[in-house]
């Protein structure tokens, strides 16, 4: 009877050790899952931040194109204005000197 009892105790002790090992593995697995979720959230936040920056960059590019087009039009208008003024001055000079 003592031997049976001792066998039961040994078996119980072994079962307890296995249970403890399984609990540790479960905690480790759970911890790894939580860390993985945190990494995924971090990656998603970074991707969202990058997407926001890319949108701002695209808006800035479009706005700079609008300004560049406006500057080109102004330069063209100024060139035409200067050319027109030079023509007027030349006509005035011609009229003044020849008439």
N, C-alpha and C. Protein backbone atom coordinates (compact mmCIF):
# COMPACT_ATOMS: atom_id res chain seq x y z
N UNK A 1 0.81 -1.18 0.00
CA UNK A 1 0.00 0.00 0.00
C UNK A 1 0.87 1.27 0.00
N UNK A 2 1.95 1.23 0.76
CA UNK A 2 2.86 2.37 0.76
C UNK A 2 3.46 2.57 -0.63
N UNK A 3 3.76 1.49 -1.27
CA UNK A 3 4.35 1.58 -2.59
C UNK A 3 3.34 2.20 -3.59
N UNK A 4 2.10 1.77 -3.47
CA UNK A 4 1.08 2.33 -4.34
C UNK A 4 0.92 3.84 -4.08
N UNK A 5 0.93 4.16 -2.81
CA UNK A 5 0.79 5.57 -2.43
C UNK A 5 1.98 6.37 -2.97
N UNK A 6 3.18 5.80 -2.84
CA UNK A 6 4.37 6.49 -3.32
C UNK A 6 4.30 6.65 -4.84
N UNK A 7 3.83 5.63 -5.55
CA UNK A 7 3.68 5.71 -6.99
C UNK A 7 2.69 6.81 -7.37
N UNK A 8 1.61 6.88 -6.63
CA UNK A 8 0.61 7.93 -6.87
C UNK A 8 1.21 9.31 -6.64
N UNK A 9 1.99 9.44 -5.57
CA UNK A 9 2.64 10.72 -5.28
C UNK A 9 3.62 11.09 -6.40
N UNK A 10 4.41 10.13 -6.82
CA UNK A 10 5.36 10.38 -7.90
C UNK A 10 4.63 10.77 -9.19
N UNK A 11 3.57 10.03 -9.47
CA UNK A 11 2.78 10.32 -10.67
C UNK A 11 2.16 11.71 -10.58
N UNK A 12 1.65 12.03 -9.39
CA UNK A 12 1.05 13.36 -9.17
C UNK A 12 2.11 14.46 -9.33
N UNK A 13 3.28 14.20 -8.78
CA UNK A 13 4.37 15.17 -8.88
C UNK A 13 4.78 15.36 -10.34
N UNK A 14 4.86 14.27 -11.07
CA UNK A 14 5.21 14.35 -12.49
C UNK A 14 4.14 15.09 -13.28
N UNK A 15 2.89 14.81 -12.97
CA UNK A 15 1.78 15.49 -13.64
C UNK A 15 1.81 16.98 -13.32
N UNK A 16 2.12 17.30 -12.09
CA UNK A 16 2.21 18.70 -11.68
C UNK A 16 3.32 19.42 -12.44
N UNK A 17 4.45 18.77 -12.63
CA UNK A 17 5.57 19.36 -13.37
C UNK A 17 5.18 19.59 -14.84
N UNK A 18 4.51 18.59 -15.42
CA UNK A 18 4.06 18.73 -16.81
C UNK A 18 3.07 19.88 -16.93
N UNK A 19 2.16 19.98 -15.99
CA UNK A 19 1.18 21.06 -15.98
C UNK A 19 1.88 22.41 -15.86
N UNK A 20 2.86 22.48 -15.00
CA UNK A 20 3.62 23.73 -14.82
C UNK A 20 4.33 24.11 -16.12
N UNK A 21 4.92 23.11 -16.79
CA UNK A 21 5.61 23.37 -18.05
C UNK A 21 4.62 23.85 -19.12
N UNK A 22 3.46 23.21 -19.20
CA UNK A 22 2.44 23.61 -20.17
C UNK A 22 1.95 25.02 -19.87
N UNK A 23 1.77 25.35 -18.59
CA UNK A 23 1.33 26.71 -18.22
C UNK A 23 2.38 27.74 -18.64
N UNK A 24 3.66 27.42 -18.42
CA UNK A 24 4.72 28.34 -18.83
C UNK A 24 4.73 28.53 -20.34
N UNK A 25 4.57 27.45 -21.07
CA UNK A 25 4.53 27.54 -22.53
C UNK A 25 3.32 28.36 -22.99
N UNK A 26 2.19 28.18 -22.33
CA UNK A 26 0.99 28.94 -22.69
C UNK A 26 1.21 30.42 -22.41
N UNK A 27 1.81 30.75 -21.27
CA UNK A 27 2.10 32.15 -20.96
C UNK A 27 3.07 32.74 -21.98
N UNK A 28 4.08 31.96 -22.34
CA UNK A 28 5.06 32.42 -23.31
C UNK A 28 4.39 32.64 -24.67
N UNK A 29 3.55 31.71 -25.06
CA UNK A 29 2.84 31.84 -26.33
C UNK A 29 1.91 33.06 -26.30
N UNK A 30 1.22 33.23 -25.18
CA UNK A 30 0.32 34.38 -25.04
C UNK A 30 1.11 35.69 -25.10
N UNK A 31 2.25 35.70 -24.44
CA UNK A 31 3.11 36.89 -24.44
C UNK A 31 3.61 37.18 -25.85
N UNK A 32 4.00 36.14 -26.56
CA UNK A 32 4.46 36.32 -27.94
C UNK A 32 3.33 36.84 -28.82
N UNK A 33 2.12 36.34 -28.59
CA UNK A 33 0.97 36.82 -29.37
C UNK A 33 0.71 38.30 -29.09
N UNK A 34 0.82 38.68 -27.82
CA UNK A 34 0.61 40.09 -27.47
C UNK A 34 1.69 40.97 -28.10
N UNK A 35 2.94 40.50 -28.07
CA UNK A 35 4.02 41.26 -28.68
C UNK A 35 3.82 41.38 -30.19
N UNK A 36 3.38 40.30 -30.81
CA UNK A 36 3.11 40.32 -32.23
C UNK A 36 2.00 41.32 -32.56
N UNK A 37 0.96 41.34 -31.76
CA UNK A 37 -0.13 42.32 -31.96
C UNK A 37 0.40 43.74 -31.82
N UNK A 38 1.26 43.96 -30.82
CA UNK A 38 1.84 45.30 -30.63
C UNK A 38 2.67 45.70 -31.84
N UNK A 39 3.48 44.76 -32.36
CA UNK A 39 4.29 45.05 -33.55
C UNK A 39 3.39 45.37 -34.74
N UNK A 40 2.31 44.60 -34.90
CA UNK A 40 1.41 44.84 -36.02
C UNK A 40 0.75 46.21 -35.90
N UNK A 41 0.38 46.59 -34.67
CA UNK A 41 -0.21 47.92 -34.46
C UNK A 41 0.81 49.01 -34.77
N UNK A 42 2.05 48.78 -34.36
CA UNK A 42 3.10 49.77 -34.62
C UNK A 42 3.33 49.91 -36.12
N UNK A 43 3.37 48.80 -36.81
CA UNK A 43 3.56 48.83 -38.26
C UNK A 43 2.40 49.56 -38.93
N UNK A 44 1.19 49.28 -38.49
CA UNK A 44 0.02 49.93 -39.07
C UNK A 44 0.07 51.44 -38.83
N UNK A 45 0.48 51.83 -37.62
CA UNK A 45 0.59 53.26 -37.31
C UNK A 45 1.65 53.92 -38.20
N UNK A 46 2.78 53.23 -38.40
CA UNK A 46 3.83 53.78 -39.26
C UNK A 46 3.35 53.88 -40.71
N UNK A 47 2.64 52.86 -41.17
CA UNK A 47 2.12 52.90 -42.54
C UNK A 47 1.11 54.03 -42.71
N UNK A 48 0.28 54.24 -41.70
CA UNK A 48 -0.68 55.35 -41.76
C UNK A 48 0.05 56.68 -41.78
N UNK A 49 1.09 56.79 -40.97
CA UNK A 49 1.88 58.02 -40.96
C UNK A 49 2.54 58.28 -42.30
N UNK A 50 3.09 57.23 -42.90
CA UNK A 50 3.72 57.37 -44.22
C UNK A 50 2.69 57.77 -45.26
N UNK A 51 1.51 57.15 -45.21
CA UNK A 51 0.45 57.48 -46.18
C UNK A 51 0.06 58.95 -46.03
N UNK A 52 -0.03 59.42 -44.80
CA UNK A 52 -0.37 60.83 -44.56
C UNK A 52 0.70 61.76 -45.11
N UNK A 53 1.96 61.39 -44.89
CA UNK A 53 3.07 62.21 -45.40
C UNK A 53 3.08 62.21 -46.93
N UNK A 54 2.81 61.05 -47.53
CA UNK A 54 2.77 60.97 -48.99
C UNK A 54 1.65 61.84 -49.55
N UNK A 55 0.52 61.87 -48.87
CA UNK A 55 -0.59 62.71 -49.32
C UNK A 55 -0.21 64.19 -49.22
N UNK A 56 0.42 64.58 -48.11
CA UNK A 56 0.87 65.97 -47.96
C UNK A 56 1.89 66.33 -49.05
N UNK A 57 2.79 65.39 -49.34
CA UNK A 57 3.79 65.63 -50.37
C UNK A 57 3.14 65.81 -51.73
N UNK A 58 2.18 64.97 -52.04
CA UNK A 58 1.48 65.08 -53.33
C UNK A 58 0.73 66.41 -53.42
N UNK A 59 0.08 66.82 -52.33
CA UNK A 59 -0.61 68.11 -52.32
C UNK A 59 0.38 69.26 -52.53
N UNK A 60 1.54 69.16 -51.90
CA UNK A 60 2.56 70.21 -52.06
C UNK A 60 3.06 70.24 -53.50
N UNK A 61 3.23 69.07 -54.11
CA UNK A 61 3.67 69.02 -55.52
C UNK A 61 2.63 69.68 -56.42
N UNK A 62 1.38 69.35 -56.20
CA UNK A 62 0.32 69.93 -57.03
C UNK A 62 0.26 71.44 -56.84
N UNK A 63 0.40 71.90 -55.62
CA UNK A 63 0.37 73.34 -55.35
C UNK A 63 1.57 74.03 -55.99
N UNK A 64 2.73 73.39 -55.95
CA UNK A 64 3.91 74.00 -56.57
C UNK A 64 3.74 74.07 -58.09
N UNK A 65 3.08 73.06 -58.68
CA UNK A 65 2.81 73.09 -60.12
C UNK A 65 1.90 74.26 -60.48
N UNK A 66 0.89 74.49 -59.64
CA UNK A 66 -0.02 75.61 -59.86
C UNK A 66 0.76 76.93 -59.81
N UNK A 67 1.62 77.08 -58.81
CA UNK A 67 2.42 78.31 -58.67
C UNK A 67 3.39 78.45 -59.83
N UNK A 68 4.01 77.35 -60.23
CA UNK A 68 4.95 77.40 -61.35
C UNK A 68 4.24 77.83 -62.63
N UNK A 69 3.06 77.28 -62.86
CA UNK A 69 2.28 77.65 -64.04
C UNK A 69 1.93 79.15 -63.99
N UNK A 70 1.55 79.62 -62.81
CA UNK A 70 1.25 81.04 -62.65
C UNK A 70 2.45 81.91 -62.92
N UNK A 71 3.61 81.50 -62.43
CA UNK A 71 4.84 82.26 -62.68
C UNK A 71 5.20 82.27 -64.16
N UNK A 72 5.01 81.13 -64.82
CA UNK A 72 5.29 81.09 -66.25
C UNK A 72 4.35 82.03 -67.02
N UNK A 73 3.10 82.06 -66.63
CA UNK A 73 2.15 82.99 -67.27
C UNK A 73 2.54 84.44 -67.02
N UNK A 74 2.96 84.72 -65.78
CA UNK A 74 3.38 86.09 -65.46
C UNK A 74 4.59 86.49 -66.28
N UNK A 75 5.55 85.56 -66.41
CA UNK A 75 6.76 85.85 -67.18
C UNK A 75 6.39 86.11 -68.64
N UNK A 76 5.48 85.30 -69.16
CA UNK A 76 5.03 85.48 -70.54
C UNK A 76 4.34 86.83 -70.70
N UNK A 77 3.45 87.16 -69.76
CA UNK A 77 2.75 88.44 -69.82
C UNK A 77 3.72 89.61 -69.72
N UNK A 78 4.71 89.49 -68.84
CA UNK A 78 5.69 90.56 -68.70
C UNK A 78 6.50 90.71 -69.98
N UNK A 79 6.87 89.58 -70.59
CA UNK A 79 7.63 89.63 -71.84
C UNK A 79 6.84 90.31 -72.94
N UNK A 80 5.56 89.96 -73.02
CA UNK A 80 4.70 90.58 -74.03
C UNK A 80 4.52 92.06 -73.72
N UNK A 81 4.43 92.38 -72.44
CA UNK A 81 4.29 93.79 -72.05
C UNK A 81 5.52 94.59 -72.40
N UNK A 82 6.67 94.02 -72.14
CA UNK A 82 7.93 94.71 -72.45
C UNK A 82 8.07 94.87 -73.96
N UNK A 83 7.77 93.81 -74.69
CA UNK A 83 7.85 93.88 -76.16
C UNK A 83 6.89 94.94 -76.69
N UNK A 84 5.69 94.95 -76.17
CA UNK A 84 4.71 95.96 -76.60
C UNK A 84 5.17 97.36 -76.28
N UNK A 85 5.76 97.55 -75.11
CA UNK A 85 6.26 98.87 -74.72
C UNK A 85 7.45 99.29 -75.59
N UNK A 86 8.32 98.35 -75.90
CA UNK A 86 9.46 98.66 -76.76
C UNK A 86 8.97 99.09 -78.15
N UNK A 87 7.97 98.40 -78.66
CA UNK A 87 7.42 98.76 -79.97
C UNK A 87 6.88 100.19 -79.93
N UNK A 88 6.17 100.53 -78.85
CA UNK A 88 5.62 101.88 -78.72
C UNK A 88 6.73 102.91 -78.67
N UNK A 89 7.79 102.60 -77.91
CA UNK A 89 8.91 103.54 -77.79
C UNK A 89 9.59 103.72 -79.15
N UNK A 90 9.78 102.64 -79.87
CA UNK A 90 10.42 102.73 -81.19
C UNK A 90 9.57 103.57 -82.13
N UNK A 91 8.27 103.37 -82.10
CA UNK A 91 7.37 104.16 -82.96
C UNK A 91 7.45 105.63 -82.58
N UNK A 92 7.48 105.93 -81.30
CA UNK A 92 7.58 107.33 -80.85
C UNK A 92 8.90 107.93 -81.31
N UNK A 93 9.98 107.14 -81.19
CA UNK A 93 11.30 107.64 -81.61
C UNK A 93 11.29 107.89 -83.12
N UNK A 94 10.75 106.98 -83.87
CA UNK A 94 10.70 107.14 -85.32
C UNK A 94 9.89 108.38 -85.69
N UNK A 95 8.76 108.54 -85.06
CA UNK A 95 7.91 109.71 -85.34
C UNK A 95 8.65 110.98 -84.93
N UNK A 96 9.30 110.97 -83.82
CA UNK A 96 9.99 112.15 -83.32
C UNK A 96 11.15 112.56 -84.22
N UNK A 97 11.92 111.58 -84.66
CA UNK A 97 13.11 111.91 -85.46
C UNK A 97 12.81 112.13 -86.93
N UNK A 98 11.79 111.52 -87.44
CA UNK A 98 11.55 111.61 -88.88
C UNK A 98 10.44 112.55 -89.24
N UNK A 99 9.75 113.07 -88.30
CA UNK A 99 8.66 113.99 -88.65
C UNK A 99 8.81 115.30 -87.99
